[in-house]
Protein backbone atom coordinates (compact mmCIF):
# COMPACT_ATOMS: atom_id res chain seq x y z
CA MET A 1 -27.23 8.61 3.28
CA SER A 2 -28.19 9.19 7.00
CA LEU A 3 -31.53 10.87 7.74
CA VAL A 4 -31.26 13.01 10.76
CA ILE A 5 -34.16 14.52 12.39
CA ILE A 6 -33.60 17.50 14.66
CA ASN A 7 -35.71 18.78 17.54
CA ARG A 8 -37.01 15.52 18.88
CA ASN A 9 -37.96 15.29 22.50
CA ASP A 10 -34.97 14.60 24.76
CA GLN A 11 -32.47 15.04 21.90
CA ASP A 12 -28.99 16.18 22.42
CA LEU A 13 -27.81 18.90 19.88
CA ILE A 14 -24.25 19.96 20.43
CA GLU A 15 -22.00 22.19 18.19
CA GLY A 16 -18.52 23.18 18.52
CA ASP A 17 -16.72 25.94 16.61
CA PHE A 18 -12.99 25.55 15.61
CA LEU A 19 -10.58 28.36 14.63
CA GLN A 20 -7.03 27.34 13.54
CA HIS A 21 -4.12 29.73 12.50
CA GLY A 22 -1.05 28.69 10.38
CA SER A 23 -1.71 24.97 10.15
CA SER A 24 -3.89 22.63 8.16
CA GLN A 25 -4.33 20.37 11.24
CA THR A 26 -6.21 21.18 14.43
CA GLU A 27 -6.48 19.26 17.62
CA THR A 28 -7.89 19.75 21.05
CA THR A 29 -8.53 18.04 24.43
CA LEU A 30 -11.60 19.10 26.05
CA ARG A 31 -11.83 19.59 29.82
CA GLU A 32 -14.99 17.58 29.99
CA GLU A 33 -16.55 14.80 28.05
CA LEU A 34 -18.36 16.22 24.93
CA LEU A 35 -21.22 13.76 24.60
CA ASP A 36 -23.32 11.46 26.37
CA GLY A 37 -21.72 7.95 26.43
CA GLU A 38 -25.01 6.18 26.58
CA LYS A 39 -26.42 7.68 23.23
CA SER A 40 -25.61 7.28 19.77
CA TYR A 41 -24.86 10.23 17.51
CA HIS A 42 -24.53 11.45 13.97
CA PHE A 43 -22.12 14.46 13.25
CA CYS A 44 -21.47 16.81 10.25
CA ILE A 45 -19.38 19.73 9.30
CA SER A 46 -22.02 22.51 9.21
CA HIS A 47 -19.73 25.44 8.37
CA LEU A 48 -16.25 25.57 6.72
CA SER A 49 -14.33 28.72 5.72
CA VAL A 50 -11.05 28.23 3.98
CA PRO A 51 -8.18 30.62 2.89
CA MET A 52 -7.38 30.45 -0.82
CA LYS A 53 -4.07 32.00 -0.99
CA ASN A 54 -2.38 28.60 -1.28
CA ALA A 55 -4.94 27.09 -3.51
CA PRO A 56 -4.37 28.41 -7.02
CA MET A 57 -5.86 26.83 -10.08
CA TRP A 58 -2.80 24.61 -10.67
CA PRO A 59 -0.51 22.88 -8.20
CA PHE A 60 2.77 23.72 -10.07
CA THR A 61 5.81 23.83 -7.84
CA ASN A 62 8.27 24.72 -10.71
CA ASP A 63 8.05 26.97 -13.83
CA THR A 64 6.07 25.06 -16.55
CA MET A 65 6.17 26.07 -20.20
CA LEU A 66 2.53 26.20 -21.72
CA PHE A 67 3.41 27.42 -25.00
CA GLU A 68 6.10 29.20 -26.97
CA ILE A 69 6.10 31.29 -30.25
CA ARG A 70 8.80 30.19 -32.70
CA ALA A 71 10.11 31.58 -36.09
CA ARG A 72 8.95 29.87 -39.12
CA LYS A 73 11.99 29.29 -41.37
CA ASN A 74 11.44 29.06 -45.07
CA THR A 75 14.64 27.15 -46.26
CA ALA A 76 15.92 23.75 -45.70
CA GLY A 77 19.58 24.88 -45.37
CA ASP A 78 19.24 25.72 -41.64
CA ASP A 79 20.22 22.26 -40.34
CA PRO A 80 24.11 21.98 -40.30
CA VAL A 81 23.92 18.24 -40.25
CA SER A 82 23.56 16.65 -43.71
CA PRO A 83 21.22 13.70 -43.93
CA ASP A 84 24.18 11.77 -45.50
CA LEU A 85 26.23 12.16 -42.44
CA ILE A 86 23.80 9.86 -40.48
CA PRO A 87 22.52 7.41 -43.12
CA GLY A 88 19.48 5.55 -41.93
CA ALA A 89 19.42 6.71 -38.41
CA TYR A 90 18.89 10.45 -39.31
CA THR A 91 16.19 9.88 -41.60
CA GLN A 92 14.42 7.40 -39.33
CA PHE A 93 14.83 9.86 -36.47
CA LYS A 94 13.36 12.82 -38.35
CA ARG A 95 10.43 10.89 -39.78
CA LEU A 96 9.78 9.13 -36.39
CA SER A 97 9.43 12.70 -34.75
CA LEU A 98 6.56 13.54 -37.00
CA GLN A 99 4.37 10.67 -36.25
CA MET A 100 1.38 11.11 -33.90
CA GLY A 101 1.14 8.95 -30.91
CA ASP A 102 3.72 7.17 -29.04
CA PRO A 103 6.69 6.10 -31.05
CA ASP A 104 7.87 2.50 -31.27
CA VAL A 105 10.40 1.71 -28.44
CA GLY A 106 12.12 -0.96 -30.47
CA THR A 107 12.71 1.42 -33.41
CA LEU A 108 13.94 4.20 -31.16
CA ARG A 109 16.48 1.65 -29.45
CA ASP A 110 17.94 0.90 -32.86
CA ILE A 111 18.20 4.53 -33.74
CA VAL A 112 19.80 5.59 -30.28
CA GLU A 113 22.49 2.68 -30.79
CA GLN A 114 23.21 4.00 -34.36
CA MET A 115 23.71 7.64 -32.91
CA VAL A 116 25.98 6.28 -30.27
CA ASP A 117 28.11 4.41 -32.92
CA LEU A 118 28.39 7.66 -34.90
CA ASP A 119 29.54 9.56 -31.75
CA ILE A 120 26.63 11.98 -31.74
CA PHE A 121 26.16 11.47 -28.04
CA THR A 122 27.20 8.79 -25.61
CA ALA A 123 24.94 6.17 -24.27
CA GLU A 124 25.53 7.20 -20.64
CA ALA A 125 24.50 10.86 -21.63
CA PHE A 126 21.31 9.43 -23.19
CA TYR A 127 20.51 7.24 -20.25
CA ASN A 128 21.02 10.24 -17.74
CA ARG A 129 18.76 12.49 -19.94
CA VAL A 130 15.89 9.93 -19.64
CA GLU A 131 16.45 9.06 -15.99
CA PRO A 132 18.00 12.08 -14.26
CA ASP A 133 18.25 10.36 -10.78
CA ARG A 134 19.87 7.30 -12.35
CA GLU A 135 23.05 5.85 -10.70
CA PRO A 136 25.99 4.87 -12.99
CA GLU A 137 25.79 1.21 -12.00
CA ASP A 138 22.02 0.92 -12.73
CA GLU A 139 21.03 -0.92 -15.88
CA PHE A 140 18.99 1.11 -18.40
CA ASP A 141 15.88 -0.61 -19.76
CA PHE A 142 14.13 0.92 -22.77
CA THR A 143 10.90 -0.76 -22.23
CA GLU A 144 10.32 1.00 -18.96
CA HIS A 145 9.94 4.26 -20.68
CA SER A 146 7.51 5.67 -23.29
CA GLY A 147 8.63 6.41 -26.76
CA THR A 148 7.69 9.98 -26.42
CA ASP A 149 10.14 10.31 -23.52
CA LEU A 150 12.97 8.38 -25.37
CA LEU A 151 12.41 10.45 -28.52
CA ALA A 152 12.61 13.92 -26.80
CA ALA A 153 15.83 12.85 -25.08
CA ALA A 154 17.49 11.84 -28.27
CA HIS A 155 16.28 14.88 -30.00
CA ALA A 156 17.63 17.19 -27.16
CA LEU A 157 21.04 15.61 -27.23
CA TYR A 158 21.04 15.79 -31.07
CA ILE A 159 20.43 19.39 -30.98
CA ASN A 160 23.05 20.00 -28.28
CA ALA A 161 25.58 18.09 -30.19
CA HIS A 162 25.29 19.99 -33.50
CA GLN A 163 23.88 23.30 -32.30
CA VAL A 164 20.99 23.18 -34.41
CA THR A 165 19.42 26.64 -34.42
CA TYR A 166 16.34 26.23 -36.86
CA ASN A 167 12.93 27.52 -35.70
CA PRO A 168 14.47 29.70 -32.88
CA VAL A 169 12.17 30.46 -29.87
CA ILE A 170 10.85 34.15 -30.05
CA THR A 171 9.03 34.21 -26.64
CA THR A 172 7.62 31.71 -23.99
CA TYR A 173 4.56 31.84 -21.95
CA THR A 174 5.30 30.11 -18.56
CA ALA A 175 3.05 29.15 -15.60
CA SER A 176 5.03 29.89 -12.60
CA PRO A 177 4.31 29.22 -8.89
CA LEU A 178 5.47 32.86 -8.24
CA ARG A 179 2.49 33.99 -10.25
CA PRO A 180 -0.47 31.96 -9.09
CA MET A 181 -3.80 32.19 -10.92
CA TYR A 182 -7.07 32.02 -9.05
CA SER A 183 -9.56 32.38 -11.88
CA VAL A 184 -9.93 31.46 -15.52
CA ALA A 185 -10.56 35.15 -16.41
CA GLN A 186 -7.21 36.06 -14.85
CA PHE A 187 -5.54 33.26 -16.92
CA ILE A 188 -6.99 34.54 -20.19
CA LYS A 189 -6.11 38.24 -19.27
CA SER A 190 -2.50 37.18 -18.56
CA ILE A 191 -2.25 35.54 -21.98
CA GLN A 192 -3.86 38.45 -23.73
CA GLN A 193 -1.12 40.75 -22.04
CA PHE A 194 1.54 38.40 -23.08
CA LEU A 195 0.51 38.47 -26.76
CA GLN A 196 0.06 42.18 -26.56
CA LEU A 197 3.67 42.54 -25.42
CA PHE A 198 4.77 40.15 -28.23
CA ASN A 199 3.07 42.32 -30.84
CA GLN A 200 4.60 45.52 -29.54
CA THR A 201 8.00 43.93 -29.58
CA VAL A 202 7.86 42.38 -33.11
CA THR A 203 6.37 45.70 -34.20
CA THR A 204 9.30 47.85 -33.01
CA GLN A 205 11.85 45.25 -33.95
CA GLY A 206 10.46 44.45 -37.38
CA ILE A 207 10.61 41.16 -39.34
CA ASP A 208 14.21 40.04 -40.22
CA PRO A 209 14.39 38.30 -43.52
CA ALA A 210 17.28 36.20 -42.26
CA VAL A 211 15.03 34.61 -39.81
CA HIS A 212 11.71 34.78 -41.76
CA ASN A 213 10.66 34.67 -45.30
CA ILE A 214 9.67 38.32 -45.57
CA GLU A 215 11.11 41.66 -44.39
CA VAL A 216 9.01 44.14 -42.37
CA LEU A 217 10.79 47.40 -41.27
CA PRO A 218 10.68 48.33 -37.55
CA ARG A 219 7.97 50.90 -36.67
CA GLU A 220 8.05 53.52 -34.00
CA LEU A 221 5.02 53.35 -31.60
CA ARG A 222 3.43 56.64 -30.97
CA THR A 223 0.01 55.42 -30.07
CA SER A 224 -1.66 52.03 -29.67
CA ALA A 225 -2.95 52.16 -33.34
CA ASP A 226 0.75 51.84 -34.54
CA VAL A 227 0.93 48.22 -33.15
CA LEU A 228 0.76 45.42 -35.56
CA ASN A 229 -1.52 42.93 -34.07
CA TYR A 230 0.26 39.80 -35.30
CA LEU A 231 -1.67 37.47 -32.90
CA GLN A 232 -4.66 38.18 -30.41
CA LEU A 233 -6.83 36.01 -28.27
CA GLN A 234 -10.51 36.44 -27.48
CA LEU A 235 -13.18 34.38 -25.62
CA THR A 236 -16.13 33.11 -27.49
CA CYS A 237 -19.68 33.28 -26.07
CA ASP A 238 -19.49 29.53 -25.00
CA GLY A 239 -16.06 29.75 -23.29
CA ARG A 240 -13.69 28.65 -25.82
CA LEU A 241 -10.60 30.46 -26.76
CA GLU A 242 -10.06 31.97 -30.38
CA PHE A 243 -6.57 32.73 -31.80
CA ILE A 244 -6.87 35.47 -34.24
CA PRO A 245 -3.78 35.79 -36.58
CA ARG A 246 -3.32 39.09 -38.52
CA SER A 247 -0.50 40.37 -40.76
CA ARG A 248 0.32 36.85 -42.13
CA PHE A 249 1.23 35.59 -38.67
CA PHE A 250 1.26 31.86 -39.64
CA ASP A 251 3.66 32.86 -42.58
CA LEU A 252 6.10 33.96 -40.06
CA PHE A 253 5.50 32.13 -36.80
CA ALA A 254 4.28 28.85 -35.41
CA ILE A 255 3.20 28.15 -31.79
CA HIS A 256 4.41 25.05 -29.94
CA PHE A 257 2.21 24.08 -26.91
CA SER A 258 3.39 21.56 -24.27
CA ALA A 259 0.98 18.75 -23.54
CA ILE A 260 0.06 20.48 -20.31
CA GLY A 261 -0.49 23.85 -22.06
CA ALA A 262 -2.68 22.40 -24.68
CA GLU A 263 -4.80 20.65 -22.08
CA LEU A 264 -5.23 23.80 -19.93
CA LEU A 265 -6.32 25.85 -22.78
CA GLY A 266 -8.83 23.17 -24.05
CA ILE A 267 -7.11 22.13 -27.19
CA ASP A 268 -7.56 18.69 -28.59
CA ARG A 269 -3.82 17.59 -29.15
CA GLU A 270 -5.19 15.28 -32.07
CA ARG A 271 -5.74 18.49 -34.04
CA LEU A 272 -2.03 19.53 -33.73
CA TRP A 273 1.25 18.18 -35.10
CA ARG A 274 3.78 16.96 -32.55
CA SER A 275 7.31 18.32 -32.95
CA PRO A 276 10.49 16.37 -32.30
CA GLU A 277 10.75 17.76 -28.88
CA GLY A 278 7.34 16.41 -27.90
CA ASN A 279 5.45 19.75 -28.34
CA TYR A 280 2.31 20.23 -30.30
CA ILE A 281 2.45 22.78 -33.27
CA MET A 282 -0.26 25.26 -34.22
CA ALA A 283 0.82 26.22 -37.83
CA LEU A 284 -1.44 27.14 -40.81
CA THR A 285 -0.06 25.31 -43.92
CA LEU A 286 -1.87 25.00 -47.17
CA ASP A 287 -4.71 26.95 -45.57
CA SER A 288 -5.19 24.13 -43.07
CA PHE A 289 -4.02 23.36 -39.47
CA ASP A 290 -4.32 19.67 -40.20
CA THR A 291 -1.43 19.78 -42.75
CA SER A 292 1.99 18.97 -41.38
CA PRO A 293 4.32 22.04 -41.40
CA TYR A 294 7.35 19.59 -41.63
CA GLY A 295 8.99 18.03 -44.64
CA ASP A 296 11.07 14.76 -44.46
CA ASP A 297 14.08 16.78 -43.56
CA GLY A 298 12.49 17.87 -40.28
CA LEU A 299 12.26 21.61 -41.15
CA TYR A 300 9.41 23.86 -41.51
CA HIS A 301 8.40 24.18 -45.18
CA SER A 302 7.02 27.28 -46.97
CA PRO A 303 3.59 27.82 -45.65
CA SER A 304 2.04 28.35 -49.30
CA ASN A 305 -0.95 29.95 -47.71
CA ASP A 306 -3.59 31.67 -49.90
CA ALA A 307 -3.33 35.34 -49.18
CA ALA A 308 -7.21 35.42 -48.87
CA LYS A 309 -7.10 32.76 -46.05
CA VAL A 310 -3.88 33.67 -44.06
CA ASN A 311 -5.95 35.08 -41.21
CA VAL A 312 -7.82 31.92 -40.73
CA THR A 313 -8.67 31.69 -36.92
CA PHE A 314 -8.09 28.64 -34.67
CA GLU A 315 -10.85 27.96 -32.09
CA THR A 316 -10.03 25.68 -29.12
CA THR A 317 -12.05 22.39 -28.88
CA TYR A 318 -13.43 22.75 -25.41
CA PRO A 319 -14.41 25.73 -23.25
CA VAL A 320 -11.40 26.89 -21.10
CA PHE A 321 -13.65 26.98 -18.00
CA THR A 322 -13.73 23.13 -18.12
CA SER A 323 -10.04 22.65 -18.42
CA ALA A 324 -7.95 25.42 -16.99
CA ASP A 325 -8.95 25.17 -13.22
CA GLN A 326 -7.57 21.83 -11.84
CA ARG A 327 -9.22 22.29 -8.36
CA ILE A 328 -11.70 19.64 -7.46
CA LYS A 329 -12.61 19.87 -3.88
CA VAL A 330 -11.83 20.96 -0.38
CA SER A 331 -12.37 18.25 2.31
CA VAL A 332 -12.00 17.84 6.04
CA GLY A 333 -10.66 14.61 7.53
CA SER A 334 -11.11 13.39 11.17
CA HIS A 335 -9.90 10.66 13.63
CA LEU A 336 -13.31 10.48 15.27
CA PRO A 337 -14.62 6.92 15.84
CA MET A 338 -16.49 6.25 12.57
CA LEU A 339 -16.33 3.77 9.74
CA SER A 340 -13.81 4.49 7.06
CA ASN A 341 -15.28 5.38 3.67
CA VAL A 342 -14.38 3.22 0.83
CA LEU A 343 -12.58 5.13 -2.03
CA ILE A 344 -12.31 3.62 -5.63
CA ASN A 345 -9.84 5.56 -7.50
CA ASP A 346 -9.02 4.34 -11.11
CA GLN A 347 -10.29 0.85 -10.13
CA VAL A 348 -8.00 0.86 -7.12
CA GLN A 349 -9.75 0.61 -3.63
CA SER A 350 -8.51 2.47 -0.67
CA SER A 351 -9.91 4.18 2.40
CA GLU A 352 -10.46 7.60 3.44
CA ARG A 353 -11.78 9.43 6.49
CA ASP A 354 -13.19 12.45 4.99
CA VAL A 355 -16.05 13.80 7.13
CA ALA A 356 -17.09 16.72 4.68
CA GLU A 357 -16.28 17.90 1.15
CA ALA A 358 -17.04 20.96 -0.82
CA TYR A 359 -16.47 21.03 -4.51
CA PHE A 360 -15.16 23.97 -6.74
CA THR A 361 -18.06 24.63 -9.05
CA THR A 362 -17.75 26.80 -12.01
CA GLN A 363 -20.65 29.01 -12.80
CA VAL A 364 -20.34 30.65 -16.12
CA THR A 365 -22.88 33.11 -17.56
CA GLY A 366 -22.61 34.35 -21.15
CA GLU A 367 -24.28 37.45 -22.46
CA ILE A 368 -24.56 38.62 -26.11
CA LYS A 369 -25.37 42.31 -26.83
CA GLN A 370 -26.07 43.59 -30.45
CA PHE A 371 -26.48 47.34 -30.94
CA PRO A 372 -26.21 49.62 -34.14
CA TYR A 373 -22.96 51.66 -34.36
CA GLN A 374 -22.13 54.01 -37.29
CA GLY A 375 -24.61 52.28 -39.75
CA ARG A 376 -23.69 48.75 -38.86
CA THR A 377 -24.50 46.06 -36.18
CA VAL A 378 -21.84 45.70 -33.42
CA THR A 379 -21.86 42.35 -31.28
CA GLU A 380 -20.54 42.37 -27.72
CA THR A 381 -20.00 39.35 -25.77
CA ASN A 382 -19.67 39.21 -21.89
CA VAL A 383 -18.71 36.04 -19.92
CA THR A 384 -18.85 36.12 -16.18
CA SER A 385 -17.87 33.43 -13.70
CA ASN A 386 -17.39 32.90 -10.03
CA VAL A 387 -13.84 33.28 -8.40
CA TYR A 388 -12.40 31.37 -5.59
CA ALA A 389 -9.85 33.71 -3.83
CA GLY A 390 -9.49 35.19 -0.37
CA GLN A 391 -11.43 33.60 2.46
CA CYS A 392 -14.20 31.41 1.04
CA ASN A 393 -17.05 30.05 2.73
CA MET A 394 -17.00 26.47 1.26
CA ILE A 395 -19.97 25.15 3.48
CA GLN A 396 -22.47 27.50 5.00
CA LYS A 397 -24.77 26.84 7.92
CA HIS A 398 -27.93 27.83 6.06
CA GLN A 399 -27.56 25.10 3.47
CA PRO A 400 -30.39 22.62 3.65
CA GLN A 401 -28.30 19.56 3.74
CA HIS A 402 -25.01 18.45 5.11
CA THR A 403 -23.04 15.23 4.96
CA TRP A 404 -23.93 13.42 8.07
CA ASN A 405 -21.68 10.71 9.57
CA ARG A 406 -22.45 8.03 12.14
CA LEU A 407 -20.42 8.00 15.35
CA VAL A 408 -19.46 4.62 16.20
CA SER A 409 -18.85 5.40 19.83
CA SER A 410 -19.59 8.43 22.12
CA TYR A 411 -18.03 7.19 25.16
CA ARG A 412 -15.64 9.61 26.82
CA LEU A 413 -15.17 11.68 23.77
CA ARG A 414 -12.71 14.54 24.76
CA TYR A 415 -9.97 14.41 22.18
CA LEU A 416 -10.71 15.92 18.72
CA ARG A 417 -8.46 16.22 15.52
CA PHE A 418 -9.34 17.41 12.07
CA HIS A 419 -7.28 17.92 8.89
CA LEU A 420 -7.99 20.22 5.86
CA PHE A 421 -7.11 18.89 2.55
CA ILE A 422 -7.38 20.09 -1.21
CA THR A 423 -7.74 17.59 -4.26
CA TYR A 424 -6.47 18.53 -7.76
CA ARG A 425 -7.01 16.86 -11.06
CA THR A 426 -3.61 16.86 -12.40
CA PHE A 427 -2.24 16.12 -15.93
CA ASP A 428 1.22 14.59 -16.20
CA GLY A 429 1.70 14.97 -19.84
CA THR A 430 -0.18 11.73 -20.87
CA SER A 431 -2.97 11.26 -18.32
CA TYR A 432 -4.94 12.72 -15.60
CA ARG A 433 -4.94 11.67 -11.82
CA LEU A 434 -6.27 12.86 -8.62
CA VAL A 435 -3.84 14.25 -6.15
CA LYS A 436 -4.97 14.87 -2.68
CA LYS A 437 -2.73 16.95 -0.25
CA PRO A 438 -2.91 19.16 2.76
CA LEU A 439 -4.04 22.69 2.11
CA VAL A 440 -1.32 24.87 3.28
CA VAL A 441 -2.45 27.64 5.65
CA ASP A 442 0.17 30.43 6.18
CA ARG A 443 0.87 31.92 9.74
CA ASP A 444 -1.33 34.94 9.00
CA ASP A 445 -4.21 32.95 7.68
CA TYR A 446 -6.86 30.73 9.39
CA TRP A 447 -9.49 28.24 8.59
CA GLN A 448 -12.74 27.90 10.65
CA PHE A 449 -15.33 25.24 10.83
CA SER A 450 -18.07 24.04 13.06
CA VAL A 451 -18.96 20.32 14.06
CA ARG A 452 -22.56 19.49 14.85
CA PHE A 453 -23.49 16.47 16.88
CA VAL A 454 -27.17 15.19 16.96
CA SER A 455 -28.08 12.32 19.09
CA ASP A 456 -30.37 9.58 17.54
CA SER A 457 -32.85 9.82 20.35
């Protein structure tokens, strides 16, 4: 780290302010030379103000399913395909679907070949399902794909071929780029509103015994007290989420999380069972979430939940504030004559020319209040956090320290160019990786920063 001493005798201190609309890049050619070519300099970004309109918590470009609520069937006669129709392959396929971890690729190849021989689907349809951009003349190699992807493709084609309708989807919560999220509190509130609408809908429609194992008659909603709260979500004092079931919710429904959805909500996927589609199931069976809701036939079995324990809550493993916001930092890159920084990303060396970076820090404060109410003690929990939205000052001039960079040459410096970047820690379904990309600045938005040059003598 460079040590810069300001206010020396005969020292140059030059600062330039930049304001750029509608672009993540700014450049200029000065009318005169900026620095004394005979002196050496250090420089830093002393101020940075960035628009957050195009910097939501997730960099999703398409609608992404986070979780869905499915009906929990109670009978094994919902699958129109008899196990005897596909001896060996069907049984292997169903049992392999229920294993945790990545299925064996060799076993899956044998199963797919048997299904192709039985005309359940064609080999070409399977190849194109796994590789959507595949050309017909390209050779398909099973070993180039994960067992999870191969299993999901086979399962989807199997369902399409036989129109399997067991465990139908009731409702789906989707993260959409058209509905950007800028704070964890907004994210939690959105899920709570989604569950509130689900409770209202199920209450007014009732429970159909043809879809579930019990019958509940529809109810007319006159007040909010008439709503049956089948499932609610609340935030604990340490930032974790708590799913609170009521009215025998897990006797009627199960929640399927995508891998991305489970990670964003702070759920350890090892605590959930993986479905044939590759989702992760939250279902209470035999008074435990660790017991598989499936049988060997691949269908949900009767929950067999003790009436005294059907309202067991599920608490996520990690605070949602550590997992939901995928933004890492905002950085400024420059072409100025300086030595490139060495970047080691997942043991791979590369170079970068960032001259300043500001991290997204999550500051969470929890407050618990207890007070008497009608002869009992009521506990109230308040959790507050900072929000990055609007125009944010990521670097401020009054900060005691800045990142100083040594200028290799100050000779005839007139041309200046800077770039604005944002870095996300994204999850691709199996692992995390860092993604750095230009921060989009709309035509009606701007970013502003200051560059300070200080001579060494």
